[in-house]
Amino acid sequence: MKRTNYLVPIVVSCFLATGCVSKKQFAELQTSYRQLQTENSDLSKSYQQAQVTLAENRANIKSLEERLAEAQQNNADLKASYASLQGSLDKSIQQGNINISKLVDEINASNRFIKQLVEAKDKSDSLNMVLTNNLTRSLTKDELQEVDIKVLKGVVYISLADNMLYKSGSYEINERAGETLSKIAKIITDYKDYDVLVEGNTDTDPVSRPNIRNNWDLSTLRASSVVQELQNKYGVDPQRLTAAGRGEYNPIADNTTALGKQRNRRTQIIITPKLDQFMDLIDQAPEATDSTAASIPEAPLPME
C-alpha cells in the first residue's frame, strides 16, 4: 500500500520533467492518482476491519476452548456420578430382593387374615339364617309378609306398626292385634327359653291425654299392654318378658314427614337367645362354601 503512494508522485514528476505530458494526460494521471488514493483508503479500512474480526475470532476461539474444557469436565463428572449411581442401584437391587421377600410374606399374612374375616362373615350370615329359620318355622309365607323380621348379630327384631296393635293415640290393644300377636306368640312359645323384650317407640308429636304425661309414658304403656296380652291371652311365661319404652328417642325415620312419623310409631319385639342356646346355634350354622353363602336348612333344627 505505501509503495503505491510513493510511486504515483514519482511517475507524475517524471512526466512533468520531460515536458512530454499534455494537459489531458496530466488530468488523467491526477484522476488515476485520486482513484488509487481512494482504493488505498478502502484497503486500509478493510485491513483494520480484518484485524478487528481476527481479534474477535481469536476471542471466540478462546471462549470455545474454555467451553469445551468445561464440557469435558462436566462429562467426566457425569461419568463419575453414573458410576456411583450404578453402584447404588446394584446395592439396592441386592437389598430389594430381601425386601420383596419380606413384602410377599406380609401380603400372604394379610390374605390369610382377610380369608379369616370372610369365613367369619359367612359363619355369621349362616348363623342368622339358621336363627331366622328356627324362630319363624311356625309361620307360613303369607304370615311372614305381615311381620317385619330382621336378624342382627344373633338377635331377632320383630317390628310392628302401631295401627296393627293399638287404638289411635292410645295404649289399648285393638281388635286387629289378636291375629298379629297370635303369630308372634307362636314364635315366642316355640322356644320357651329365649328372652323377650317388648319395646315401645313413638313419634315426636306430644300426647294430649290426662292419664298420659308424655311419649315416655305412652311408649312404656304400649309395651306393657303387649307384654300382658302375650302373658294373659297366649300363655307366654312372664319371667321371659320385659316391657320397655323409648319414647320418641329411637327414631328410624325423619319425624318431619307423615310417613316418617308413621314408621317411628312402632313396637319392637326383640328375641334374644341365651348364651348356651347361642352356642348351639353356632354349632348348627352350616359351613359356607367359597362360591356361595350358606343356605337355610330345609327342615327346622330342634332347639329343645
Protein backbone atom coordinates (compact mmCIF):
# COMPACT_ATOMS: atom_id res chain seq x y z
CA MET A 1 0.00 0.00 0.00
CA LYS A 2 2.70 2.55 0.94
CA ARG A 3 4.80 1.78 -2.12
CA THR A 4 1.89 2.84 -4.39
CA ASN A 5 1.63 6.17 -2.57
CA TYR A 6 5.27 6.96 -3.37
CA LEU A 7 5.18 5.63 -6.90
CA VAL A 8 2.42 7.83 -8.29
CA PRO A 9 4.08 11.21 -7.45
CA ILE A 10 7.37 10.00 -8.87
CA VAL A 11 5.76 8.98 -12.15
CA VAL A 12 3.91 12.27 -12.37
CA SER A 13 7.12 14.20 -11.69
CA CYS A 14 8.96 12.32 -14.41
CA PHE A 15 6.36 13.15 -16.94
CA LEU A 16 6.37 16.80 -15.93
CA ALA A 17 10.16 16.97 -16.05
CA THR A 18 10.36 15.64 -19.55
CA GLY A 19 7.81 18.14 -20.71
CA CYS A 20 6.17 15.46 -22.84
CA VAL A 21 2.87 15.32 -20.92
CA SER A 22 -0.14 17.11 -22.24
CA LYS A 23 -2.74 18.66 -20.02
CA LYS A 24 -5.16 15.90 -20.86
CA GLN A 25 -2.72 13.25 -19.90
CA PHE A 26 -1.91 15.14 -16.74
CA ALA A 27 -5.59 15.29 -15.77
CA GLU A 28 -5.95 11.56 -16.39
CA LEU A 29 -2.94 10.92 -14.20
CA GLN A 30 -4.46 13.01 -11.42
CA THR A 31 -7.71 11.10 -11.73
CA SER A 32 -5.85 7.80 -11.53
CA TYR A 33 -3.96 9.10 -8.54
CA ARG A 34 -7.15 10.00 -6.72
CA GLN A 35 -8.67 6.61 -7.53
CA LEU A 36 -5.57 4.94 -6.17
CA GLN A 37 -5.84 7.03 -3.02
CA THR A 38 -9.47 6.00 -2.62
CA GLU A 39 -8.61 2.36 -3.15
CA ASN A 40 -5.78 2.70 -0.68
CA SER A 41 -8.14 4.21 1.88
CA ASP A 42 -10.67 1.40 1.33
CA LEU A 43 -7.96 -1.20 1.60
CA SER A 44 -6.74 0.40 4.84
CA LYS A 45 -10.23 0.29 6.25
CA SER A 46 -10.66 -3.33 5.14
CA TYR A 47 -7.35 -4.16 6.70
CA GLN A 48 -8.39 -2.58 10.02
CA GLN A 49 -11.77 -4.37 9.89
CA ALA A 50 -9.98 -7.62 9.17
CA GLN A 51 -7.77 -7.03 12.19
CA VAL A 52 -10.83 -6.44 14.39
CA THR A 53 -12.53 -9.55 13.01
CA LEU A 54 -9.36 -11.56 13.59
CA ALA A 55 -9.22 -10.39 17.19
CA GLU A 56 -12.88 -11.29 17.70
CA ASN A 57 -12.37 -14.71 16.15
CA ARG A 58 -9.41 -15.33 18.39
CA ALA A 59 -11.53 -14.34 21.40
CA ASN A 60 -14.31 -16.65 20.23
CA ILE A 61 -11.84 -19.47 19.74
CA LYS A 62 -10.60 -18.96 23.29
CA SER A 63 -14.16 -18.92 24.61
CA LEU A 64 -14.99 -22.09 22.68
CA GLU A 65 -11.88 -23.75 24.03
CA GLU A 66 -12.91 -22.82 27.57
CA ARG A 67 -16.43 -24.12 26.98
CA LEU A 68 -15.02 -27.33 25.52
CA ALA A 69 -12.86 -27.79 28.58
CA GLU A 70 -15.86 -27.14 30.83
CA ALA A 71 -17.98 -29.62 28.85
CA GLN A 72 -15.23 -32.21 29.10
CA GLN A 73 -15.08 -31.66 32.87
CA ASN A 74 -18.87 -31.98 33.12
CA ASN A 75 -18.71 -35.18 31.11
CA ALA A 76 -16.09 -36.57 33.47
CA ASP A 77 -18.26 -35.59 36.46
CA LEU A 78 -21.32 -37.25 34.88
CA LYS A 79 -19.36 -40.42 34.28
CA ALA A 80 -18.32 -40.43 37.93
CA SER A 81 -21.93 -39.81 39.04
CA TYR A 82 -23.18 -42.57 36.75
CA ALA A 83 -20.67 -44.99 38.19
CA SER A 84 -21.77 -44.02 41.71
CA LEU A 85 -25.46 -44.42 40.83
CA GLN A 86 -24.82 -47.75 39.20
CA GLY A 87 -23.13 -48.94 42.35
CA SER A 88 -26.04 -47.70 44.46
CA LEU A 89 -28.51 -49.38 42.09
CA ASP A 90 -26.69 -52.69 42.30
CA LYS A 91 -26.71 -52.43 46.08
CA SER A 92 -30.42 -51.50 46.14
CA ILE A 93 -31.32 -54.41 43.88
CA GLN A 94 -29.46 -56.74 46.18
CA GLN A 95 -31.29 -55.32 49.22
CA GLY A 96 -34.56 -55.17 47.27
CA ASN A 97 -34.58 -58.91 46.81
CA ILE A 98 -34.68 -59.25 50.59
CA ASN A 99 -37.36 -56.54 50.95
CA ILE A 100 -39.52 -58.12 48.23
CA SER A 101 -39.39 -61.43 50.01
CA LYS A 102 -40.46 -59.73 53.23
CA LEU A 103 -43.26 -57.91 51.40
CA VAL A 104 -44.54 -61.16 49.93
CA ASP A 105 -44.68 -62.66 53.41
CA GLU A 106 -46.65 -59.66 54.67
CA ILE A 107 -49.08 -59.90 51.73
CA ASN A 108 -49.60 -63.60 52.39
CA ALA A 109 -50.28 -62.87 56.06
CA SER A 110 -52.80 -60.17 55.06
CA ASN A 111 -54.51 -62.58 52.68
CA ARG A 112 -54.83 -65.16 55.43
CA PHE A 113 -56.36 -62.53 57.74
CA ILE A 114 -58.82 -61.42 55.04
CA LYS A 115 -59.79 -65.05 54.46
CA GLN A 116 -60.48 -65.44 58.17
CA LEU A 117 -62.68 -62.34 58.13
CA VAL A 118 -64.63 -63.66 55.13
CA GLU A 119 -65.08 -67.03 56.82
CA ALA A 120 -66.29 -65.29 59.99
CA LYS A 121 -68.73 -63.21 57.93
CA ASP A 122 -70.03 -66.33 56.20
CA LYS A 123 -70.40 -68.03 59.57
CA SER A 124 -72.31 -65.05 60.95
CA ASP A 125 -74.63 -64.97 57.93
CA SER A 126 -75.22 -68.69 58.26
CA LEU A 127 -75.99 -68.28 61.95
CA ASN A 128 -78.51 -65.53 61.21
CA MET A 129 -80.24 -67.69 58.62
CA VAL A 130 -80.43 -70.65 60.99
CA LEU A 131 -81.83 -68.46 63.74
CA THR A 132 -84.42 -66.89 61.45
CA ASN A 133 -85.44 -70.29 60.13
CA ASN A 134 -85.83 -71.75 63.61
CA LEU A 135 -87.77 -68.80 65.00
CA THR A 136 -90.15 -68.46 62.07
CA ARG A 137 -90.81 -72.12 61.33
CA SER A 138 -94.29 -71.81 62.86
CA LEU A 139 -95.29 -69.13 60.32
CA THR A 140 -96.40 -69.56 56.74
CA LYS A 141 -95.03 -67.42 53.92
CA ASP A 142 -98.22 -65.40 53.87
CA GLU A 143 -98.00 -64.77 57.60
CA LEU A 144 -94.37 -63.70 57.33
CA GLN A 145 -95.37 -60.97 54.88
CA GLU A 146 -97.34 -59.25 57.67
CA VAL A 147 -94.46 -59.23 60.14
CA ASP A 148 -91.12 -57.41 59.60
CA ILE A 149 -88.43 -59.74 60.96
CA LYS A 150 -84.72 -58.94 60.88
CA VAL A 151 -81.75 -60.73 62.42
CA LEU A 152 -78.72 -58.73 63.54
CA LYS A 153 -75.79 -60.40 65.30
CA GLY A 154 -77.89 -63.29 66.51
CA VAL A 155 -80.76 -61.12 67.80
CA VAL A 156 -84.23 -61.22 66.20
CA TYR A 157 -86.10 -57.93 65.75
CA ILE A 158 -89.84 -58.12 65.02
CA SER A 159 -91.24 -54.69 64.19
CA LEU A 160 -94.98 -53.93 64.24
CA ALA A 161 -96.67 -50.65 63.30
CA ASP A 162 -98.82 -49.02 65.98
CA ASN A 163 -102.01 -49.25 63.91
CA MET A 164 -101.64 -53.04 63.90
CA LEU A 165 -101.80 -53.18 67.70
CA TYR A 166 -103.38 -50.13 69.34
CA LYS A 167 -106.31 -47.82 69.13
CA SER A 168 -105.43 -44.40 67.77
CA GLY A 169 -103.43 -42.31 70.28
CA SER A 170 -103.90 -45.00 72.93
CA TYR A 171 -102.10 -47.89 74.55
CA GLU A 172 -105.17 -50.13 74.49
CA ILE A 173 -104.91 -53.21 72.28
CA ASN A 174 -107.32 -53.14 69.31
CA GLU A 175 -109.31 -55.97 67.77
CA ARG A 176 -106.91 -56.40 64.87
CA ALA A 177 -103.96 -57.07 67.20
CA GLY A 178 -105.17 -60.55 68.12
CA GLU A 179 -104.26 -62.11 64.78
CA THR A 180 -100.85 -60.42 64.75
CA LEU A 181 -99.94 -61.22 68.35
CA SER A 182 -101.02 -64.82 67.93
CA LYS A 183 -98.36 -65.19 65.25
CA ILE A 184 -95.76 -63.57 67.46
CA ALA A 185 -96.77 -65.83 70.33
CA LYS A 186 -96.16 -68.86 68.12
CA ILE A 187 -92.59 -67.76 67.65
CA ILE A 188 -92.05 -66.98 71.32
CA THR A 189 -93.65 -70.15 72.70
CA ASP A 190 -91.83 -72.29 70.16
CA TYR A 191 -88.61 -71.56 72.05
CA LYS A 192 -89.57 -71.18 75.67
CA ASP A 193 -86.04 -70.41 76.92
CA TYR A 194 -85.50 -67.29 74.79
CA ASP A 195 -85.65 -63.87 76.46
CA VAL A 196 -88.19 -61.43 75.01
CA LEU A 197 -88.03 -57.63 75.19
CA VAL A 198 -91.08 -55.64 74.08
CA GLU A 199 -90.02 -52.09 73.25
CA GLY A 200 -92.42 -49.21 72.53
CA ASN A 201 -91.48 -46.28 70.28
CA THR A 202 -93.35 -43.09 69.33
CA ASP A 203 -93.00 -40.11 67.03
CA THR A 204 -92.36 -36.57 68.27
CA ASP A 205 -95.99 -35.44 68.45
CA PRO A 206 -96.96 -34.58 72.05
CA VAL A 207 -99.61 -36.62 73.85
CA SER A 208 -102.84 -34.86 74.89
CA ARG A 209 -104.41 -37.34 77.33
CA PRO A 210 -104.87 -36.60 81.00
CA ASN A 211 -103.62 -40.02 82.13
CA ILE A 212 -100.54 -40.00 79.86
CA ARG A 213 -97.95 -37.35 80.65
CA ASN A 214 -95.69 -37.70 77.62
CA ASN A 215 -94.33 -40.05 74.99
CA TRP A 216 -92.27 -41.87 77.61
CA ASP A 217 -95.50 -42.92 79.29
CA LEU A 218 -97.21 -43.79 76.00
CA SER A 219 -94.35 -45.97 74.70
CA THR A 220 -93.95 -47.79 78.01
CA LEU A 221 -97.69 -48.36 78.44
CA ARG A 222 -97.95 -49.74 74.92
CA ALA A 223 -95.09 -52.16 75.58
CA SER A 224 -96.74 -53.16 78.86
CA SER A 225 -100.06 -53.81 77.06
CA VAL A 226 -98.36 -56.15 74.59
CA VAL A 227 -96.50 -57.97 77.37
CA GLN A 228 -99.72 -58.50 79.32
CA GLU A 229 -101.56 -59.64 76.18
CA LEU A 230 -98.84 -62.22 75.48
CA GLN A 231 -98.94 -63.39 79.10
CA ASN A 232 -102.69 -63.40 79.73
CA LYS A 233 -104.11 -64.41 76.35
CA TYR A 234 -101.34 -66.55 74.85
CA GLY A 235 -99.70 -68.03 77.93
CA VAL A 236 -96.17 -66.71 77.49
CA ASP A 237 -94.13 -67.08 80.69
CA PRO A 238 -93.92 -63.56 82.23
CA GLN A 239 -90.43 -64.32 83.57
CA ARG A 240 -89.21 -64.25 79.99
CA LEU A 241 -90.84 -60.91 79.22
CA THR A 242 -89.58 -57.36 79.67
CA ALA A 243 -91.57 -54.20 78.84
CA ALA A 244 -89.65 -51.07 77.93
CA GLY A 245 -90.45 -47.68 76.44
CA ARG A 246 -88.06 -45.48 74.46
CA GLY A 247 -90.45 -42.64 73.73
CA GLU A 248 -89.52 -40.56 70.68
CA TYR A 249 -85.78 -41.01 71.16
CA ASN A 250 -85.08 -44.04 68.97
CA PRO A 251 -86.35 -42.93 65.54
CA ILE A 252 -85.71 -44.89 62.36
CA ALA A 253 -87.08 -42.16 60.05
CA ASP A 254 -87.47 -38.39 59.80
CA ASN A 255 -90.17 -37.05 62.12
CA THR A 256 -90.79 -34.04 59.86
CA THR A 257 -92.89 -36.11 57.41
CA ALA A 258 -96.10 -38.05 57.93
CA LEU A 259 -94.51 -41.23 56.52
CA GLY A 260 -91.50 -40.85 58.80
CA LYS A 261 -93.72 -40.43 61.86
CA GLN A 262 -95.71 -43.49 60.85
CA ARG A 263 -92.53 -45.58 60.71
CA ASN A 264 -91.35 -44.30 64.07
CA ARG A 265 -94.65 -45.23 65.78
CA ARG A 266 -93.83 -48.89 66.22
CA THR A 267 -93.42 -51.67 68.73
CA GLN A 268 -90.40 -53.91 68.53
CA ILE A 269 -90.34 -57.40 69.95
CA ILE A 270 -86.71 -58.41 70.44
CA ILE A 271 -85.98 -62.11 70.91
CA THR A 272 -82.53 -62.96 72.24
CA PRO A 273 -81.17 -66.48 72.73
CA LYS A 274 -79.30 -67.13 75.93
CA LEU A 275 -75.60 -67.89 75.75
CA ASP A 276 -75.87 -71.67 75.74
CA GLN A 277 -78.53 -71.62 73.02
CA PHE A 278 -76.48 -69.10 71.07
CA MET A 279 -73.53 -71.51 71.13
CA ASP A 280 -75.83 -74.31 69.95
CA LEU A 281 -76.87 -72.14 67.04
CA ILE A 282 -73.23 -71.58 66.14
CA ASP A 283 -72.71 -75.34 66.03
CA GLN A 284 -75.77 -75.70 63.80
CA ALA A 285 -74.73 -72.97 61.37
CA PRO A 286 -73.87 -74.61 58.02
CA GLU A 287 -70.41 -74.09 56.61
CA ALA A 288 -70.34 -71.63 53.68
CA THR A 289 -68.56 -72.64 50.50
CA ASP A 290 -66.09 -70.41 48.67
CA SER A 291 -68.56 -69.59 45.90
CA THR A 292 -71.93 -69.41 47.65
CA ALA A 293 -73.29 -68.39 51.02
CA ALA A 294 -74.83 -70.88 53.39
CA SER A 295 -78.47 -71.73 52.75
CA ILE A 296 -81.34 -72.11 55.20
CA PRO A 297 -81.87 -75.74 56.23
CA GLU A 298 -84.88 -77.41 54.62
CA ALA A 299 -86.14 -78.84 57.91
CA PRO A 300 -86.24 -76.91 61.22
CA LEU A 301 -83.46 -77.73 63.62
CA PRO A 302 -84.64 -78.67 67.13
CA MET A 303 -83.62 -76.31 69.88
CA GLU A 304 -85.06 -78.10 72.90
